[in-house]
C-alpha cells in the first residue's frame, strides 16, 4: 500500500518526537522498517517518497530492425540459419519474430486441399 508524502512525514515526525515503535505501529500502522526506509529517503533525496527510477530496456540478442531486413532479403531462411547470423539460438529468433508479428509457416487452407482431391476424382470418372 502506498502512502502519500504528508502521511509519511507525520509518521516520521511522530517517532522523532520520542514515541516508541509500538506506539508508531498502533497509531500509524507501519513497521520500523518502513520508518527507517522513509527516513533514509528523506536524508538522501529530500523527500519521504523515493523518486521512481526510469525503466530501462536491456540489450536484446536479436535487433528487430536487422531481423526485419534479413527476413525481407531472404524470406526462405530457416530460424537456425537466421540465428547463426545473430550468434544466438533459434528460440531467441522465434520469440523476437513473435513480438514483431512475423510468421514463417505458410499453410494452404483445407479448402484448397479438398478442391484438389475433388478435381482429381471427377477427372478419373
N, C-alpha and C. Protein backbone atom coordinates (compact mmCIF):
# COMPACT_ATOMS: atom_id res chain seq x y z
N UNK A 1 0.84 -1.18 0.00
CA UNK A 1 0.00 0.00 0.00
C UNK A 1 0.89 1.24 0.00
N UNK A 2 0.64 2.17 -0.87
CA UNK A 2 1.44 3.38 -0.98
C UNK A 2 0.84 4.49 -0.12
N UNK A 3 1.69 5.12 0.64
CA UNK A 3 1.27 6.23 1.48
C UNK A 3 1.75 7.53 0.85
N UNK A 4 0.97 8.60 1.04
CA UNK A 4 1.36 9.87 0.47
C UNK A 4 2.44 10.53 1.31
N UNK A 5 2.99 11.59 0.78
CA UNK A 5 4.11 12.30 1.41
C UNK A 5 3.76 12.85 2.80
N UNK A 6 2.57 13.42 2.96
CA UNK A 6 2.18 14.01 4.25
C UNK A 6 2.05 12.94 5.33
N UNK A 7 1.48 11.80 4.98
CA UNK A 7 1.33 10.71 5.95
C UNK A 7 2.71 10.24 6.42
N UNK A 8 3.62 10.07 5.49
CA UNK A 8 4.97 9.62 5.84
C UNK A 8 5.68 10.65 6.71
N UNK A 9 5.49 11.91 6.38
CA UNK A 9 6.12 12.97 7.16
C UNK A 9 5.60 12.96 8.60
N UNK A 10 4.28 12.83 8.77
CA UNK A 10 3.70 12.80 10.11
C UNK A 10 4.19 11.60 10.90
N UNK A 11 4.30 10.44 10.25
CA UNK A 11 4.75 9.24 10.94
C UNK A 11 6.19 9.38 11.41
N UNK A 12 7.05 9.90 10.55
CA UNK A 12 8.46 10.06 10.92
C UNK A 12 8.60 11.10 12.03
N UNK A 13 7.87 12.20 11.93
CA UNK A 13 7.92 13.22 12.98
C UNK A 13 7.38 12.69 14.30
N UNK A 14 6.35 11.86 14.24
CA UNK A 14 5.78 11.25 15.45
C UNK A 14 6.83 10.41 16.17
N UNK A 15 7.57 9.60 15.41
CA UNK A 15 8.61 8.75 16.01
C UNK A 15 9.77 9.60 16.51
N UNK A 16 10.13 10.64 15.76
CA UNK A 16 11.25 11.50 16.15
C UNK A 16 10.94 12.32 17.40
N UNK A 17 9.66 12.50 17.72
CA UNK A 17 9.26 13.26 18.92
C UNK A 17 9.35 12.42 20.18
N UNK A 18 9.88 11.19 20.09
CA UNK A 18 10.12 10.42 21.30
C UNK A 18 9.18 9.25 21.51
N UNK A 19 8.30 8.97 20.61
CA UNK A 19 7.40 7.83 20.76
C UNK A 19 8.12 6.54 20.38
N UNK A 20 7.64 5.44 20.92
CA UNK A 20 8.26 4.14 20.65
C UNK A 20 7.72 3.55 19.35
N UNK A 21 8.37 2.47 18.90
CA UNK A 21 7.90 1.79 17.69
C UNK A 21 6.55 1.12 17.91
N UNK A 22 6.29 0.69 19.15
CA UNK A 22 4.98 0.11 19.46
C UNK A 22 3.88 1.14 19.26
N UNK A 23 4.12 2.35 19.76
CA UNK A 23 3.14 3.42 19.61
C UNK A 23 2.99 3.82 18.14
N UNK A 24 4.11 3.85 17.42
CA UNK A 24 4.08 4.18 16.00
C UNK A 24 3.24 3.16 15.23
N UNK A 25 3.43 1.89 15.56
CA UNK A 25 2.66 0.83 14.91
C UNK A 25 1.18 0.96 15.23
N UNK A 26 0.86 1.28 16.50
CA UNK A 26 -0.53 1.38 16.93
C UNK A 26 -1.24 2.58 16.27
N UNK A 27 -0.56 3.73 16.19
CA UNK A 27 -1.18 4.94 15.68
C UNK A 27 -1.22 4.96 14.14
N UNK A 28 -0.09 4.63 13.51
CA UNK A 28 0.01 4.75 12.06
C UNK A 28 -0.07 3.42 11.32
N UNK A 29 0.14 2.32 12.02
CA UNK A 29 0.06 1.00 11.39
C UNK A 29 1.22 0.69 10.47
N UNK A 30 2.41 1.24 10.78
CA UNK A 30 3.58 0.95 9.95
C UNK A 30 4.65 0.28 10.80
N UNK A 31 5.54 -0.41 10.15
CA UNK A 31 6.61 -1.12 10.86
C UNK A 31 7.85 -0.23 11.00
N UNK A 32 8.79 -0.73 11.78
CA UNK A 32 10.03 0.03 11.97
C UNK A 32 10.85 0.07 10.67
N UNK A 33 10.74 -0.96 9.83
CA UNK A 33 11.48 -0.95 8.57
C UNK A 33 10.97 0.16 7.65
N UNK A 34 9.65 0.36 7.63
CA UNK A 34 9.08 1.43 6.81
C UNK A 34 9.57 2.79 7.33
N UNK A 35 9.61 2.93 8.64
CA UNK A 35 10.08 4.18 9.25
C UNK A 35 11.51 4.48 8.81
N UNK A 36 12.39 3.49 8.93
CA UNK A 36 13.80 3.70 8.57
C UNK A 36 13.97 3.95 7.06
N UNK A 37 13.16 3.28 6.26
CA UNK A 37 13.23 3.49 4.80
C UNK A 37 12.80 4.91 4.45
N UNK A 38 11.70 5.38 5.05
CA UNK A 38 11.22 6.73 4.78
C UNK A 38 12.22 7.77 5.25
N UNK A 39 12.81 7.53 6.41
CA UNK A 39 13.79 8.48 6.96
C UNK A 39 15.03 8.54 6.07
N UNK A 40 15.46 7.37 5.58
CA UNK A 40 16.63 7.33 4.70
C UNK A 40 16.33 8.05 3.38
N UNK A 41 15.13 7.86 2.84
CA UNK A 41 14.75 8.55 1.61
C UNK A 41 14.78 10.06 1.81
N UNK A 42 14.33 10.52 2.97
CA UNK A 42 14.32 11.97 3.26
C UNK A 42 15.74 12.51 3.31
N UNK A 43 16.65 11.74 3.91
CA UNK A 43 18.04 12.19 4.01
C UNK A 43 18.72 12.18 2.65
N UNK A 44 18.43 11.17 1.84
CA UNK A 44 19.10 11.04 0.54
C UNK A 44 18.55 11.98 -0.51
N UNK A 45 17.23 12.06 -0.62
CA UNK A 45 16.62 12.80 -1.73
C UNK A 45 15.91 14.07 -1.30
N UNK A 46 15.61 14.21 -0.04
CA UNK A 46 14.86 15.37 0.42
C UNK A 46 13.37 15.12 0.45
N UNK A 47 12.94 13.93 0.04
CA UNK A 47 11.53 13.55 0.05
C UNK A 47 11.37 12.23 0.80
N UNK A 48 10.20 12.05 1.39
CA UNK A 48 9.93 10.79 2.09
C UNK A 48 9.61 9.67 1.09
N UNK A 49 9.11 10.04 -0.06
CA UNK A 49 8.81 9.06 -1.10
C UNK A 49 10.00 9.03 -2.05
N UNK A 50 10.55 7.83 -2.27
CA UNK A 50 11.69 7.70 -3.17
C UNK A 50 11.24 7.99 -4.60
N UNK A 51 12.05 8.73 -5.35
CA UNK A 51 11.67 9.01 -6.74
C UNK A 51 11.67 7.73 -7.56
N UNK A 52 10.74 7.65 -8.50
CA UNK A 52 10.65 6.47 -9.34
C UNK A 52 11.81 6.46 -10.33
N UNK A 53 12.42 5.31 -10.45
CA UNK A 53 13.51 5.19 -11.41
C UNK A 53 12.93 4.90 -12.78
N UNK A 54 13.59 5.40 -13.78
CA UNK A 54 13.11 5.21 -15.14
C UNK A 54 13.45 3.79 -15.58
N UNK A 55 12.47 3.12 -16.14
CA UNK A 55 12.66 1.75 -16.58
C UNK A 55 13.54 1.73 -17.82
N UNK A 56 14.58 0.94 -17.76
CA UNK A 56 15.47 0.82 -18.90
C UNK A 56 15.29 -0.54 -19.54
N UNK A 57 15.46 -0.59 -20.82
CA UNK A 57 15.35 -1.87 -21.51
C UNK A 57 16.75 -2.45 -21.68
N UNK A 58 16.83 -3.75 -21.60
CA UNK A 58 18.12 -4.38 -21.73
C UNK A 58 18.44 -4.60 -23.20
N UNK A 59 19.72 -4.80 -23.48
CA UNK A 59 20.13 -5.03 -24.84
C UNK A 59 19.67 -6.42 -25.26
N UNK A 60 19.03 -6.49 -26.39
CA UNK A 60 18.50 -7.75 -26.89
C UNK A 60 19.51 -8.44 -27.79
N UNK A 61 19.40 -9.77 -27.85
CA UNK A 61 20.29 -10.54 -28.72
C UNK A 61 19.96 -10.30 -30.18
N UNK A 62 18.68 -10.18 -30.47
CA UNK A 62 18.24 -10.04 -31.86
C UNK A 62 17.70 -8.63 -32.06
N UNK A 63 18.42 -7.86 -32.87
CA UNK A 63 17.99 -6.50 -33.18
C UNK A 63 16.79 -6.54 -34.12
N UNK A 64 15.65 -5.94 -33.75
CA UNK A 64 14.44 -6.04 -34.57
C UNK A 64 14.60 -5.50 -35.99
N UNK A 65 15.30 -4.39 -36.13
CA UNK A 65 15.46 -3.79 -37.46
C UNK A 65 16.31 -4.69 -38.36
N UNK A 66 17.37 -5.22 -37.79
CA UNK A 66 18.25 -6.10 -38.55
C UNK A 66 17.52 -7.40 -38.93
N UNK A 67 16.70 -7.91 -38.00
CA UNK A 67 15.93 -9.12 -38.26
C UNK A 67 14.95 -8.91 -39.42
N UNK A 68 14.24 -7.79 -39.39
CA UNK A 68 13.31 -7.49 -40.48
C UNK A 68 14.03 -7.40 -41.82
N UNK A 69 15.21 -6.79 -41.80
CA UNK A 69 16.00 -6.64 -43.01
C UNK A 69 16.42 -8.01 -43.57
N UNK A 70 16.88 -8.89 -42.70
CA UNK A 70 17.32 -10.22 -43.12
C UNK A 70 16.14 -11.02 -43.67
N UNK A 71 15.00 -10.94 -43.01
CA UNK A 71 13.83 -11.68 -43.47
C UNK A 71 13.32 -11.15 -44.79
N UNK A 72 13.36 -9.83 -44.99
CA UNK A 72 12.93 -9.26 -46.28
C UNK A 72 13.85 -9.67 -47.42
N UNK A 73 15.16 -9.76 -47.13
CA UNK A 73 16.11 -10.15 -48.16
C UNK A 73 16.01 -11.64 -48.49
N UNK A 74 15.85 -12.47 -47.45
CA UNK A 74 15.82 -13.92 -47.61
C UNK A 74 14.64 -14.51 -46.86
N UNK A 75 13.45 -14.48 -47.41
CA UNK A 75 12.28 -14.94 -46.66
C UNK A 75 12.23 -16.46 -46.47
N UNK A 76 13.08 -17.22 -47.20
CA UNK A 76 13.04 -18.67 -47.10
C UNK A 76 14.04 -19.25 -46.10
N UNK A 77 14.74 -18.41 -45.37
CA UNK A 77 15.72 -18.91 -44.39
C UNK A 77 15.02 -19.60 -43.23
N UNK A 78 15.67 -20.64 -42.72
CA UNK A 78 15.19 -21.30 -41.53
C UNK A 78 15.58 -20.48 -40.31
N UNK A 79 14.90 -20.74 -39.18
CA UNK A 79 15.22 -20.00 -37.96
C UNK A 79 16.66 -20.21 -37.53
N UNK A 80 17.15 -21.43 -37.66
CA UNK A 80 18.52 -21.70 -37.22
C UNK A 80 19.54 -20.97 -38.09
N UNK A 81 19.21 -20.75 -39.36
CA UNK A 81 20.11 -20.00 -40.24
C UNK A 81 20.15 -18.52 -39.84
N UNK A 82 19.00 -18.00 -39.48
CA UNK A 82 18.95 -16.60 -39.01
C UNK A 82 19.68 -16.48 -37.68
N UNK A 83 19.50 -17.49 -36.83
CA UNK A 83 20.14 -17.48 -35.50
C UNK A 83 21.66 -17.47 -35.62
N UNK A 84 22.20 -18.15 -36.62
CA UNK A 84 23.65 -18.15 -36.82
C UNK A 84 24.16 -16.74 -37.12
N UNK A 85 23.37 -15.97 -37.83
CA UNK A 85 23.77 -14.59 -38.17
C UNK A 85 23.81 -13.70 -36.93
N UNK A 86 22.94 -14.00 -35.95
CA UNK A 86 22.89 -13.21 -34.71
C UNK A 86 23.70 -13.84 -33.59
N UNK A 87 24.26 -15.02 -33.83
CA UNK A 87 25.03 -15.75 -32.84
C UNK A 87 24.18 -16.02 -31.59
N UNK A 88 23.00 -16.55 -31.81
CA UNK A 88 22.09 -16.88 -30.71
C UNK A 88 21.32 -18.15 -31.08
N UNK A 89 20.34 -18.51 -30.28
CA UNK A 89 19.57 -19.72 -30.54
C UNK A 89 18.38 -19.43 -31.45
N UNK A 90 17.86 -20.49 -32.04
CA UNK A 90 16.68 -20.36 -32.90
C UNK A 90 15.47 -19.93 -32.09
N UNK A 91 15.44 -20.32 -30.82
CA UNK A 91 14.33 -19.94 -29.95
C UNK A 91 14.30 -18.42 -29.76
N UNK A 92 15.48 -17.80 -29.61
CA UNK A 92 15.54 -16.35 -29.45
C UNK A 92 15.01 -15.65 -30.69
N UNK A 93 15.35 -16.18 -31.85
CA UNK A 93 14.85 -15.59 -33.10
C UNK A 93 13.34 -15.77 -33.19
N UNK A 94 12.87 -16.96 -32.84
CA UNK A 94 11.43 -17.23 -32.89
C UNK A 94 10.66 -16.28 -31.98
N UNK A 95 11.14 -16.10 -30.76
CA UNK A 95 10.46 -15.21 -29.81
C UNK A 95 10.44 -13.77 -30.30
N UNK A 96 11.54 -13.33 -30.91
CA UNK A 96 11.59 -11.96 -31.44
C UNK A 96 10.61 -11.83 -32.60
N UNK A 97 10.51 -12.86 -33.43
CA UNK A 97 9.56 -12.83 -34.54
C UNK A 97 8.12 -12.77 -34.03
N UNK A 98 7.85 -13.49 -32.95
CA UNK A 98 6.52 -13.43 -32.35
C UNK A 98 6.20 -12.02 -31.88
N UNK A 99 7.17 -11.36 -31.25
CA UNK A 99 6.96 -10.00 -30.77
C UNK A 99 6.68 -9.04 -31.92
N UNK A 100 7.33 -9.29 -33.05
CA UNK A 100 7.17 -8.42 -34.21
C UNK A 100 6.02 -8.85 -35.13
N UNK A 101 5.29 -9.90 -34.73
CA UNK A 101 4.18 -10.45 -35.52
C UNK A 101 4.62 -10.89 -36.90
N UNK A 102 5.77 -11.53 -36.95
CA UNK A 102 6.28 -12.10 -38.19
C UNK A 102 6.05 -13.60 -38.13
N UNK A 103 5.39 -14.15 -39.15
CA UNK A 103 5.13 -15.59 -39.18
C UNK A 103 5.93 -16.22 -40.31
N UNK A 104 6.31 -17.47 -40.11
CA UNK A 104 7.08 -18.20 -41.10
C UNK A 104 6.25 -19.29 -41.76
N UNK A 105 5.44 -19.94 -41.00
CA UNK A 105 4.71 -21.09 -41.52
C UNK A 105 3.58 -20.62 -42.40
N UNK A 106 3.61 -21.02 -43.64
CA UNK A 106 2.57 -20.66 -44.59
C UNK A 106 1.81 -21.94 -44.94
N UNK A 107 0.59 -22.05 -44.52
CA UNK A 107 -0.21 -23.25 -44.74
C UNK A 107 -1.22 -23.00 -45.86
N UNK A 108 -1.46 -24.05 -46.62
CA UNK A 108 -2.56 -23.98 -47.57
C UNK A 108 -3.83 -24.25 -46.79
N UNK A 109 -4.89 -23.63 -47.18
CA UNK A 109 -6.13 -23.85 -46.45
C UNK A 109 -6.69 -25.22 -46.79
N UNK A 110 -7.55 -25.74 -45.96
CA UNK A 110 -8.14 -27.06 -46.17
C UNK A 110 -9.04 -27.06 -47.41
N UNK A 111 -9.61 -25.95 -47.72
CA UNK A 111 -10.50 -25.86 -48.88
C UNK A 111 -9.70 -26.16 -50.15
N UNK A 112 -8.50 -25.62 -50.26
CA UNK A 112 -7.68 -25.86 -51.43
C UNK A 112 -7.34 -27.35 -51.55
N UNK A 113 -7.01 -27.99 -50.46
CA UNK A 113 -6.68 -29.40 -50.48
C UNK A 113 -7.88 -30.22 -50.93
N UNK A 114 -9.04 -29.92 -50.38
CA UNK A 114 -10.25 -30.66 -50.74
C UNK A 114 -10.63 -30.43 -52.20
N UNK A 115 -10.46 -29.24 -52.70
CA UNK A 115 -10.79 -28.96 -54.09
C UNK A 115 -9.89 -29.76 -55.03
N UNK A 116 -8.62 -29.88 -54.66
CA UNK A 116 -7.71 -30.66 -55.50
C UNK A 116 -8.13 -32.13 -55.54
N UNK A 117 -8.51 -32.69 -54.41
CA UNK A 117 -8.94 -34.08 -54.35
C UNK A 117 -10.23 -34.28 -55.14
N UNK A 118 -11.17 -33.33 -55.02
CA UNK A 118 -12.43 -33.44 -55.75
C UNK A 118 -12.20 -33.34 -57.25
N UNK A 119 -11.30 -32.48 -57.66
CA UNK A 119 -10.98 -32.30 -59.07
C UNK A 119 -10.36 -33.56 -59.66
N UNK A 120 -9.51 -34.23 -58.86
CA UNK A 120 -8.88 -35.45 -59.34
C UNK A 120 -9.90 -36.57 -59.49
N UNK A 121 -10.81 -36.66 -58.53
CA UNK A 121 -11.79 -37.75 -58.57
C UNK A 121 -12.76 -37.56 -59.72
N UNK A 122 -13.07 -36.31 -60.09
CA UNK A 122 -14.00 -36.06 -61.19
C UNK A 122 -13.35 -36.43 -62.52
N UNK A 123 -12.06 -36.08 -62.66
CA UNK A 123 -11.40 -36.35 -63.92
C UNK A 123 -11.16 -37.84 -64.16
N UNK A 124 -11.10 -38.64 -63.12
CA UNK A 124 -10.87 -40.07 -63.24
C UNK A 124 -12.11 -40.79 -63.73
N UNK A 125 -13.28 -40.26 -63.55
CA UNK A 125 -14.53 -40.94 -63.92
C UNK A 125 -14.73 -41.00 -65.36
